[in-house]
């Protein structure tokens, strides 16, 4: 693995996957927490289970794991500053919209 690939951020597909995993874990933990809290009549358990789901989802989605970097972006190569600035007389005058 090259340094460039290792340091690259998540790609768009990886971001989508991380978001789906995050939302799925939060949803499942909220449902389980609600059901367990309802059965035991303890709202505290609902909160604990949802917080545990949140912590698990953060652990799985916040670090840039390799599974989120499988489709790297194709960037354009860097161009040298060979373009010269146009003189003010060479520019086209701007047309303003008529009201």
PDB file of N, CA and C in Angstrom:
ATOM      1  N   UNK A   1       0.849  -1.173   0.000  1.00  0.00           N
ATOM      2  CA  UNK A   1       0.000   0.000   0.000  1.00  0.00           C
ATOM      3  C   UNK A   1       0.894   1.236   0.000  1.00  0.00           C
ATOM      4  N   UNK A   2       0.628   2.109  -0.941  1.00  0.00           N
ATOM      5  CA  UNK A   2       1.437   3.317  -1.019  1.00  0.00           C
ATOM      6  C   UNK A   2       0.958   4.333   0.003  1.00  0.00           C
ATOM      7  N   UNK A   3       1.823   5.322   0.284  1.00  0.00           N
ATOM      8  CA  UNK A   3       1.466   6.364   1.230  1.00  0.00           C
ATOM      9  C   UNK A   3       0.258   7.150   0.751  1.00  0.00           C
ATOM     10  N   UNK A   4       0.171   7.385  -0.561  1.00  0.00           N
ATOM     11  CA  UNK A   4      -0.933   8.172  -1.099  1.00  0.00           C
ATOM     12  C   UNK A   4      -2.262   7.461  -0.858  1.00  0.00           C
ATOM     13  N   UNK A   5      -2.311   6.154  -1.089  1.00  0.00           N
ATOM     14  CA  UNK A   5      -3.555   5.404  -0.878  1.00  0.00           C
ATOM     15  C   UNK A   5      -3.872   5.311   0.603  1.00  0.00           C
ATOM     16  N   UNK A   6      -2.861   5.127   1.418  1.00  0.00           N
ATOM     17  CA  UNK A   6      -3.070   4.979   2.855  1.00  0.00           C
ATOM     18  C   UNK A   6      -3.615   6.269   3.464  1.00  0.00           C
ATOM     19  N   UNK A   7      -3.183   7.413   2.972  1.00  0.00           N
ATOM     20  CA  UNK A   7      -3.597   8.689   3.537  1.00  0.00           C
ATOM     21  C   UNK A   7      -4.844   9.259   2.872  1.00  0.00           C
ATOM     22  N   UNK A   8      -5.333   8.603   1.836  1.00  0.00           N
ATOM     23  CA  UNK A   8      -6.485   9.150   1.131  1.00  0.00           C
ATOM     24  C   UNK A   8      -7.734   9.012   1.992  1.00  0.00           C
ATOM     25  N   UNK A   9      -8.627   9.990   1.889  1.00  0.00           N
ATOM     26  CA  UNK A   9      -9.860   9.926   2.674  1.00  0.00           C
ATOM     27  C   UNK A   9     -10.840   8.921   2.068  1.00  0.00           C
ATOM     28  N   UNK A  10     -11.973   8.784   2.713  1.00  0.00           N
ATOM     29  CA  UNK A  10     -12.994   7.883   2.207  1.00  0.00           C
ATOM     30  C   UNK A  10     -13.498   8.376   0.848  1.00  0.00           C
ATOM     31  N   UNK A  11     -13.890   7.426   0.015  1.00  0.00           N
ATOM     32  CA  UNK A  11     -14.496   7.803  -1.258  1.00  0.00           C
ATOM     33  C   UNK A  11     -16.000   7.942  -1.060  1.00  0.00           C
ATOM     34  N   UNK A  12     -16.696   8.342  -2.127  1.00  0.00           N
ATOM     35  CA  UNK A  12     -18.132   8.590  -2.009  1.00  0.00           C
ATOM     36  C   UNK A  12     -18.914   7.314  -1.710  1.00  0.00           C
ATOM     37  N   UNK A  13     -18.546   6.208  -2.330  1.00  0.00           N
ATOM     38  CA  UNK A  13     -19.225   4.945  -2.044  1.00  0.00           C
ATOM     39  C   UNK A  13     -18.934   4.500  -0.617  1.00  0.00           C
ATOM     40  N   UNK A  14     -17.728   4.731  -0.155  1.00  0.00           N
ATOM     41  CA  UNK A  14     -17.379   4.409   1.224  1.00  0.00           C
ATOM     42  C   UNK A  14     -18.147   5.254   2.225  1.00  0.00           C
ATOM     43  N   UNK A  15     -18.350   6.524   1.896  1.00  0.00           N
ATOM     44  CA  UNK A  15     -19.136   7.395   2.767  1.00  0.00           C
ATOM     45  C   UNK A  15     -20.581   6.918   2.837  1.00  0.00           C
ATOM     46  N   UNK A  16     -21.113   6.495   1.689  1.00  0.00           N
ATOM     47  CA  UNK A  16     -22.487   5.988   1.662  1.00  0.00           C
ATOM     48  C   UNK A  16     -22.597   4.716   2.502  1.00  0.00           C
ATOM     49  N   UNK A  17     -21.629   3.807   2.368  1.00  0.00           N
ATOM     50  CA  UNK A  17     -21.622   2.576   3.153  1.00  0.00           C
ATOM     51  C   UNK A  17     -21.528   2.883   4.642  1.00  0.00           C
ATOM     52  N   UNK A  18     -20.652   3.806   5.024  1.00  0.00           N
ATOM     53  CA  UNK A  18     -20.498   4.175   6.434  1.00  0.00           C
ATOM     54  C   UNK A  18     -21.799   4.767   6.980  1.00  0.00           C
ATOM     55  N   UNK A  19     -22.461   5.592   6.195  1.00  0.00           N
ATOM     56  CA  UNK A  19     -23.728   6.187   6.624  1.00  0.00           C
ATOM     57  C   UNK A  19     -24.802   5.113   6.790  1.00  0.00           C
ATOM     58  N   UNK A  20     -24.865   4.150   5.874  1.00  0.00           N
ATOM     59  CA  UNK A  20     -25.854   3.074   5.980  1.00  0.00           C
ATOM     60  C   UNK A  20     -25.587   2.196   7.204  1.00  0.00           C
ATOM     61  N   UNK A  21     -24.327   1.884   7.450  1.00  0.00           N
ATOM     62  CA  UNK A  21     -23.977   1.084   8.628  1.00  0.00           C
ATOM     63  C   UNK A  21     -24.346   1.840   9.900  1.00  0.00           C
ATOM     64  N   UNK A  22     -24.005   3.121   9.950  1.00  0.00           N
ATOM     65  CA  UNK A  22     -24.292   3.953  11.116  1.00  0.00           C
ATOM     66  C   UNK A  22     -25.793   3.993  11.397  1.00  0.00           C
ATOM     67  N   UNK A  23     -26.581   4.293  10.363  1.00  0.00           N
ATOM     68  CA  UNK A  23     -28.025   4.385  10.558  1.00  0.00           C
ATOM     69  C   UNK A  23     -28.637   3.031  10.920  1.00  0.00           C
ATOM     70  N   UNK A  24     -28.141   1.965  10.308  1.00  0.00           N
ATOM     71  CA  UNK A  24     -28.658   0.635  10.606  1.00  0.00           C
ATOM     72  C   UNK A  24     -28.420   0.241  12.046  1.00  0.00           C
ATOM     73  N   UNK A  25     -27.210   0.466  12.533  1.00  0.00           N
ATOM     74  CA  UNK A  25     -26.890   0.097  13.914  1.00  0.00           C
ATOM     75  C   UNK A  25     -27.706   0.929  14.895  1.00  0.00           C
ATOM     76  N   UNK A  26     -27.844   2.220  14.623  1.00  0.00           N
ATOM     77  CA  UNK A  26     -28.631   3.084  15.508  1.00  0.00           C
ATOM     78  C   UNK A  26     -30.091   2.637  15.524  1.00  0.00           C
ATOM     79  N   UNK A  27     -30.636   2.331  14.353  1.00  0.00           N
ATOM     80  CA  UNK A  27     -32.038   1.908  14.272  1.00  0.00           C
ATOM     81  C   UNK A  27     -32.262   0.587  15.010  1.00  0.00           C
ATOM     82  N   UNK A  28     -31.399  -0.387  14.759  1.00  0.00           N
ATOM     83  CA  UNK A  28     -31.547  -1.697  15.415  1.00  0.00           C
ATOM     84  C   UNK A  28     -31.382  -1.568  16.925  1.00  0.00           C
ATOM     85  N   UNK A  29     -30.399  -0.799  17.374  1.00  0.00           N
ATOM     86  CA  UNK A  29     -30.204  -0.654  18.820  1.00  0.00           C
ATOM     87  C   UNK A  29     -31.362   0.109  19.458  1.00  0.00           C
ATOM     88  N   UNK A  30     -31.955   1.061  18.748  1.00  0.00           N
ATOM     89  CA  UNK A  30     -33.108   1.791  19.294  1.00  0.00           C
ATOM     90  C   UNK A  30     -34.314   0.867  19.431  1.00  0.00           C
ATOM     91  N   UNK A  31     -34.539   0.015  18.440  1.00  0.00           N
ATOM     92  CA  UNK A  31     -35.666  -0.921  18.510  1.00  0.00           C
ATOM     93  C   UNK A  31     -35.461  -1.931  19.644  1.00  0.00           C
ATOM     94  N   UNK A  32     -34.258  -2.518  19.701  1.00  0.00           N
ATOM     95  CA  UNK A  32     -33.964  -3.480  20.769  1.00  0.00           C
ATOM     96  C   UNK A  32     -34.051  -2.806  22.131  1.00  0.00           C
ATOM     97  N   UNK A  33     -33.496  -1.606  22.234  1.00  0.00           N
ATOM     98  CA  UNK A  33     -33.535  -0.884  23.505  1.00  0.00           C
ATOM     99  C   UNK A  33     -34.947  -0.551  23.935  1.00  0.00           C
ATOM    100  N   UNK A  34     -35.768  -0.134  22.987  1.00  0.00           N
ATOM    101  CA  UNK A  34     -37.151   0.194  23.326  1.00  0.00           C
ATOM    102  C   UNK A  34     -37.907  -1.044  23.799  1.00  0.00           C
ATOM    103  N   UNK A  35     -37.757  -2.142  23.068  1.00  0.00           N
ATOM    104  CA  UNK A  35     -38.465  -3.377  23.438  1.00  0.00           C
ATOM    105  C   UNK A  35     -37.994  -3.881  24.805  1.00  0.00           C
ATOM    106  N   UNK A  36     -36.679  -3.910  25.014  1.00  0.00           N
ATOM    107  CA  UNK A  36     -36.150  -4.388  26.295  1.00  0.00           C
ATOM    108  C   UNK A  36     -36.564  -3.455  27.438  1.00  0.00           C
ATOM    109  N   UNK A  37     -36.494  -2.161  27.195  1.00  0.00           N
ATOM    110  CA  UNK A  37     -36.904  -1.208  28.226  1.00  0.00           C
ATOM    111  C   UNK A  37     -38.385  -1.296  28.537  1.00  0.00           C
ATOM    112  N   UNK A  38     -39.199  -1.567  27.542  1.00  0.00           N
ATOM    113  CA  UNK A  38     -40.638  -1.714  27.742  1.00  0.00           C
ATOM    114  C   UNK A  38     -40.951  -2.975  28.555  1.00  0.00           C
ATOM    115  N   UNK A  39     -40.256  -4.077  28.216  1.00  0.00           N
ATOM    116  CA  UNK A  39     -40.500  -5.334  28.927  1.00  0.00           C
ATOM    117  C   UNK A  39     -40.076  -5.214  30.386  1.00  0.00           C
ATOM    118  N   UNK A  40     -38.913  -4.634  30.628  1.00  0.00           N
ATOM    119  CA  UNK A  40     -38.407  -4.523  32.005  1.00  0.00           C
ATOM    120  C   UNK A  40     -38.945  -3.295  32.733  1.00  0.00           C
ATOM    121  N   UNK A  41     -39.659  -2.430  32.000  1.00  0.00           N
ATOM    122  CA  UNK A  41     -40.194  -1.175  32.545  1.00  0.00           C
ATOM    123  C   UNK A  41     -39.092  -0.294  33.141  1.00  0.00           C
ATOM    124  N   UNK A  42     -37.944  -0.301  32.459  1.00  0.00           N
ATOM    125  CA  UNK A  42     -36.809   0.528  32.870  1.00  0.00           C
ATOM    126  C   UNK A  42     -36.323   1.335  31.662  1.00  0.00           C
ATOM    127  N   UNK A  43     -36.603   2.634  31.684  1.00  0.00           N
ATOM    128  CA  UNK A  43     -36.190   3.483  30.562  1.00  0.00           C
ATOM    129  C   UNK A  43     -34.665   3.592  30.480  1.00  0.00           C
ATOM    130  N   UNK A  44     -34.015   3.434  31.591  1.00  0.00           N
ATOM    131  CA  UNK A  44     -32.551   3.511  31.632  1.00  0.00           C
ATOM    132  C   UNK A  44     -31.901   2.479  30.723  1.00  0.00           C
ATOM    133  N   UNK A  45     -32.464   1.272  30.668  1.00  0.00           N
ATOM    134  CA  UNK A  45     -31.914   0.246  29.788  1.00  0.00           C
ATOM    135  C   UNK A  45     -32.038   0.642  28.329  1.00  0.00           C
ATOM    136  N   UNK A  46     -33.124   1.302  27.991  1.00  0.00           N
ATOM    137  CA  UNK A  46     -33.289   1.788  26.615  1.00  0.00           C
ATOM    138  C   UNK A  46     -32.166   2.754  26.260  1.00  0.00           C
ATOM    139  N   UNK A  47     -31.885   3.670  27.159  1.00  0.00           N
ATOM    140  CA  UNK A  47     -30.831   4.655  26.929  1.00  0.00           C
ATOM    141  C   UNK A  47     -29.468   3.969  26.834  1.00  0.00           C
ATOM    142  N   UNK A  48     -29.193   3.013  27.716  1.00  0.00           N
ATOM    143  CA  UNK A  48     -27.905   2.316  27.700  1.00  0.00           C
ATOM    144  C   UNK A  48     -27.702   1.535  26.405  1.00  0.00           C
ATOM    145  N   UNK A  49     -28.739   0.865  25.948  1.00  0.00           N
ATOM    146  CA  UNK A  49     -28.622   0.077  24.720  1.00  0.00           C
ATOM    147  C   UNK A  49     -28.425   0.981  23.508  1.00  0.00           C
ATOM    148  N   UNK A  50     -29.139   2.090  23.453  1.00  0.00           N
ATOM    149  CA  UNK A  50     -28.958   3.033  22.341  1.00  0.00           C
ATOM    150  C   UNK A  50     -27.557   3.652  22.385  1.00  0.00           C
ATOM    151  N   UNK A  51     -27.074   3.976  23.580  1.00  0.00           N
ATOM    152  CA  UNK A  51     -25.716   4.530  23.697  1.00  0.00           C
ATOM    153  C   UNK A  51     -24.664   3.503  23.291  1.00  0.00           C
ATOM    154  N   UNK A  52     -24.880   2.236  23.630  1.00  0.00           N
ATOM    155  CA  UNK A  52     -23.952   1.182  23.216  1.00  0.00           C
ATOM    156  C   UNK A  52     -23.969   1.033  21.696  1.00  0.00           C
ATOM    157  N   UNK A  53     -25.146   1.112  21.089  1.00  0.00           N
ATOM    158  CA  UNK A  53     -25.241   1.070  19.623  1.00  0.00           C
ATOM    159  C   UNK A  53     -24.551   2.248  18.978  1.00  0.00           C
ATOM    160  N   UNK A  54     -24.680   3.412  19.586  1.00  0.00           N
ATOM    161  CA  UNK A  54     -24.002   4.606  19.071  1.00  0.00           C
ATOM    162  C   UNK A  54     -22.487   4.442  19.143  1.00  0.00           C
ATOM    163  N   UNK A  55     -21.996   3.933  20.272  1.00  0.00           N
ATOM    164  CA  UNK A  55     -20.553   3.727  20.427  1.00  0.00           C
ATOM    165  C   UNK A  55     -20.036   2.706  19.414  1.00  0.00           C
ATOM    166  N   UNK A  56     -20.782   1.619  19.221  1.00  0.00           N
ATOM    167  CA  UNK A  56     -20.386   0.605  18.249  1.00  0.00           C
ATOM    168  C   UNK A  56     -20.367   1.178  16.834  1.00  0.00           C
ATOM    169  N   UNK A  57     -21.398   1.951  16.499  1.00  0.00           N
ATOM    170  CA  UNK A  57     -21.444   2.526  15.154  1.00  0.00           C
ATOM    171  C   UNK A  57     -20.322   3.545  14.942  1.00  0.00           C
ATOM    172  N   UNK A  58     -19.973   4.292  15.962  1.00  0.00           N
ATOM    173  CA  UNK A  58     -18.848   5.229  15.847  1.00  0.00           C
ATOM    174  C   UNK A  58     -17.541   4.475  15.638  1.00  0.00           C
ATOM    175  N   UNK A  59     -17.358   3.385  16.361  1.00  0.00           N
ATOM    176  CA  UNK A  59     -16.154   2.578  16.217  1.00  0.00           C
ATOM    177  C   UNK A  59     -16.033   1.987  14.809  1.00  0.00           C
ATOM    178  N   UNK A  60     -17.167   1.616  14.225  1.00  0.00           N
ATOM    179  CA  UNK A  60     -17.146   0.996  12.900  1.00  0.00           C
ATOM    180  C   UNK A  60     -17.107   1.995  11.743  1.00  0.00           C
ATOM    181  N   UNK A  61     -17.572   3.206  11.967  1.00  0.00           N
ATOM    182  CA  UNK A  61     -17.710   4.123  10.829  1.00  0.00           C
ATOM    183  C   UNK A  61     -16.800   5.354  10.865  1.00  0.00           C
ATOM    184  N   UNK A  62     -16.337   5.785  12.011  1.00  0.00           N
ATOM    185  CA  UNK A  62     -15.525   7.007  12.043  1.00  0.00           C
ATOM    186  C   UNK A  62     -14.099   6.827  11.545  1.00  0.00           C
ATOM    187  N   UNK A  63     -13.380   5.775  11.944  1.00  0.00           N
ATOM    188  CA  UNK A  63     -12.024   5.618  11.395  1.00  0.00           C
ATOM    189  C   UNK A  63     -12.083   5.306   9.889  1.00  0.00           C
ATOM    190  N   UNK A  64     -11.102   5.750   9.135  1.00  0.00           N
ATOM    191  CA  UNK A  64     -11.106   5.467   7.687  1.00  0.00           C
ATOM    192  C   UNK A  64     -10.633   4.045   7.398  1.00  0.00           C
ATOM    193  N   UNK A  65     -11.463   3.068   7.699  1.00  0.00           N
ATOM    194  CA  UNK A  65     -11.135   1.673   7.465  1.00  0.00           C
ATOM    195  C   UNK A  65     -10.944   1.422   5.977  1.00  0.00           C
ATOM    196  N   UNK A  66     -10.143   0.428   5.598  1.00  0.00           N
ATOM    197  CA  UNK A  66      -9.906   0.141   4.170  1.00  0.00           C
ATOM    198  C   UNK A  66     -11.181  -0.183   3.386  1.00  0.00           C
ATOM    199  N   UNK A  67     -12.199  -0.719   4.043  1.00  0.00           N
ATOM    200  CA  UNK A  67     -13.429  -1.043   3.314  1.00  0.00           C
ATOM    201  C   UNK A  67     -14.151   0.207   2.828  1.00  0.00           C
ATOM    202  N   UNK A  68     -13.820   1.364   3.378  1.00  0.00           N
ATOM    203  CA  UNK A  68     -14.430   2.620   2.941  1.00  0.00           C
ATOM    204  C   UNK A  68     -13.595   3.321   1.874  1.00  0.00           C
ATOM    205  N   UNK A  69     -12.462   2.741   1.503  1.00  0.00           N
ATOM    206  CA  UNK A  69     -11.569   3.376   0.526  1.00  0.00           C
ATOM    207  C   UNK A  69     -11.304   2.486  -0.680  1.00  0.00           C
ATOM    208  N   UNK A  70     -12.270   1.680  -1.063  1.00  0.00           N
ATOM    209  CA  UNK A  70     -12.079   0.755  -2.177  1.00  0.00           C
ATOM    210  C   UNK A  70     -12.211   1.416  -3.541  1.00  0.00           C
ATOM    211  N   UNK A  71     -12.884   2.537  -3.625  1.00  0.00           N
ATOM    212  CA  UNK A  71     -13.120   3.222  -4.895  1.00  0.00           C
ATOM    213  C   UNK A  71     -12.531   4.632  -4.846  1.00  0.00           C
ATOM    214  N   UNK A  72     -11.207   4.762  -4.935  1.00  0.00           N
ATOM    215  CA  UNK A  72     -10.596   6.095  -4.803  1.00  0.00           C
ATOM    216  C   UNK A  72     -11.014   7.007  -5.951  1.00  0.00           C
ATOM    217  N   UNK A  73     -11.036   8.282  -5.654  1.00  0.00           N
ATOM    218  CA  UNK A  73     -11.396   9.276  -6.662  1.00  0.00           C
ATOM    219  C   UNK A  73     -10.259   9.448  -7.655  1.00  0.00           C
ATOM    220  N   UNK A  74     -10.609   9.660  -8.891  1.00  0.00           N
ATOM    221  CA  UNK A  74      -9.618   9.909  -9.944  1.00  0.00           C
ATOM    222  C   UNK A  74      -9.469  11.430 -10.085  1.00  0.00           C
ATOM    223  N   UNK A  75      -8.383  11.954  -9.574  1.00  0.00           N
ATOM    224  CA  UNK A  75      -8.143  13.393  -9.634  1.00  0.00           C
ATOM    225  C   UNK A  75      -7.429  13.740 -10.929  1.00  0.00           C
ATOM    226  N   UNK A  76      -7.653  14.938 -11.404  1.00  0.00           N
ATOM    227  CA  UNK A  76      -6.927  15.415 -12.572  1.00  0.00           C
ATOM    228  C   UNK A  76      -5.488  15.701 -12.174  1.00  0.00           C
ATOM    229  N   UNK A  77      -4.542  15.524 -13.108  1.00  0.00           N
ATOM    230  CA  UNK A  77      -3.149  15.819 -12.761  1.00  0.00           C
ATOM    231  C   UNK A  77      -2.952  17.317 -12.540  1.00  0.00           C
ATOM    232  N   UNK A  78      -1.963  17.632 -11.755  1.00  0.00           N
ATOM    233  CA  UNK A  78      -1.646  19.028 -11.476  1.00  0.00           C
ATOM    234  C   UNK A  78      -1.087  19.665 -12.737  1.00  0.00           C
ATOM    235  N   UNK A  79      -1.608  20.832 -13.084  1.00  0.00           N
ATOM    236  CA  UNK A  79      -1.120  21.549 -14.261  1.00  0.00           C
ATOM    237  C   UNK A  79      -0.212  22.688 -13.826  1.00  0.00           C
ATOM    238  N   UNK A  80       0.808  22.895 -14.616  1.00  0.00           N
ATOM    239  CA  UNK A  80       1.697  24.011 -14.337  1.00  0.00           C
ATOM    240  C   UNK A  80       0.967  25.315 -14.654  1.00  0.00           C
ATOM    241  N   UNK A  81       1.380  26.389 -14.029  1.00  0.00           N
ATOM    242  CA  UNK A  81       0.710  27.670 -14.261  1.00  0.00           C
ATOM    243  C   UNK A  81       1.208  28.279 -15.574  1.00  0.00           C
ATOM    244  N   UNK A  82       0.893  27.621 -16.687  1.00  0.00           N
ATOM    245  CA  UNK A  82       1.290  28.095 -18.002  1.00  0.00           C
ATOM    246  C   UNK A  82       0.286  29.066 -18.599  1.00  0.00           C
ATOM    247  N   UNK A  83      -0.864  29.168 -17.986  1.00  0.00           N
ATOM    248  CA  UNK A  83      -1.867  30.099 -18.514  1.00  0.00           C
ATOM    249  C   UNK A  83      -1.509  31.500 -18.056  1.00  0.00           C
ATOM    250  N   UNK A  84      -1.488  32.377 -19.013  1.00  0.00           N
ATOM    251  CA  UNK A  84      -1.162  33.762 -18.689  1.00  0.00           C
ATOM    252  C   UNK A  84      -2.444  34.527 -18.417  1.00  0.00           C
ATOM    253  N   UNK A  85      -2.326  35.499 -17.584  1.00  0.00           N
ATOM    254  CA  UNK A  85      -3.470  36.302 -17.264  1.00  0.00           C
ATOM    255  C   UNK A  85      -3.815  37.226 -18.418  1.00  0.00           C
ATOM    256  N   UNK A  86      -5.089  37.337 -18.719  1.00  0.00           N
ATOM    257  CA  UNK A  86      -5.521  38.225 -19.806  1.00  0.00           C
ATOM    258  C   UNK A  86      -5.436  39.668 -19.347  1.00  0.00           C
ATOM    259  N   UNK A  87      -5.124  40.525 -20.302  1.00  0.00           N
ATOM    260  CA  UNK A  87      -5.097  41.949 -20.005  1.00  0.00           C
ATOM    261  C   UNK A  87      -6.539  42.448 -19.918  1.00  0.00           C
ATOM    262  N   UNK A  88      -6.781  43.512 -19.193  1.00  0.00           N
ATOM    263  CA  UNK A  88      -8.147  44.019 -19.075  1.00  0.00           C
ATOM    264  C   UNK A  88      -8.776  44.354 -20.432  1.00  0.00           C
ATOM    265  N   UNK A  89      -7.985  44.776 -21.412  1.00  0.00           N
ATOM    266  CA  UNK A  89      -8.531  45.139 -22.717  1.00  0.00           C
ATOM    267  C   UNK A  89      -8.947  43.893 -23.506  1.00  0.00           C
ATOM    268  N   UNK A  90      -8.367  42.730 -23.194  1.00  0.00           N
ATOM    269  CA  UNK A  90      -8.690  41.498 -23.912  1.00  0.00           C
ATOM    270  C   UNK A  90      -9.981  40.848 -23.435  1.00  0.00           C
ATOM    271  N   UNK A  91     -10.443  41.226 -22.264  1.00  0.00           N
ATOM    272  CA  UNK A  91     -11.635  40.604 -21.711  1.00  0.00           C
ATOM    273  C   UNK A  91     -12.889  41.139 -22.397  1.00  0.00           C
ATOM    274  N   UNK A  92     -13.884  40.281 -22.463  1.00  0.00           N
ATOM    275  CA  UNK A  92     -15.178  40.717 -23.014  1.00  0.00           C
ATOM    276  C   UNK A  92     -15.911  41.504 -21.941  1.00  0.00           C
ATOM    277  N   UNK A  93     -16.594  42.544 -22.345  1.00  0.00           N
ATOM    278  CA  UNK A  93     -17.361  43.294 -21.335  1.00  0.00           C
ATOM    279  C   UNK A  93     -18.541  42.463 -20.842  1.00  0.00           C
ATOM    280  N   UNK A  94     -18.863  42.599 -19.590  1.00  0.00           N
ATOM    281  CA  UNK A  94     -19.969  41.859 -19.002  1.00  0.00           C
ATOM    282  C   UNK A  94     -21.276  42.515 -19.399  1.00  0.00           C
ATOM    283  N   UNK A  95     -22.235  41.686 -19.728  1.00  0.00           N
ATOM    284  CA  UNK A  95     -23.570  42.200 -20.028  1.00  0.00           C
ATOM    285  C   UNK A  95     -24.441  42.023 -18.800  1.00  0.00           C
ATOM    286  N   UNK A  96     -25.136  43.056 -18.467  1.00  0.00           N
ATOM    287  CA  UNK A  96     -26.035  43.001 -17.327  1.00  0.00           C
ATOM    288  C   UNK A  96     -27.448  42.726 -17.803  1.00  0.00           C
ATOM    289  N   UNK A  97     -28.176  41.975 -17.022  1.00  0.00           N
ATOM    290  CA  UNK A  97     -29.564  41.665 -17.399  1.00  0.00           C
ATOM    291  C   UNK A  97     -30.402  42.930 -17.319  1.00  0.00           C
ATOM    292  N   UNK A  98     -31.254  43.094 -18.304  1.00  0.00           N
ATOM    293  CA  UNK A  98     -32.149  44.260 -18.306  1.00  0.00           C
ATOM    294  C   UNK A  98     -33.384  43.937 -17.489  1.00  0.00           C
ATOM    295  N   UNK A  99     -33.796  44.898 -16.705  1.00  0.00           N
ATOM    296  CA  UNK A  99     -34.994  44.705 -15.868  1.00  0.00           C
ATOM    297  C   UNK A  99     -36.207  45.276 -16.527  1.00  0.00           C
TER     298      UNK A  99
END
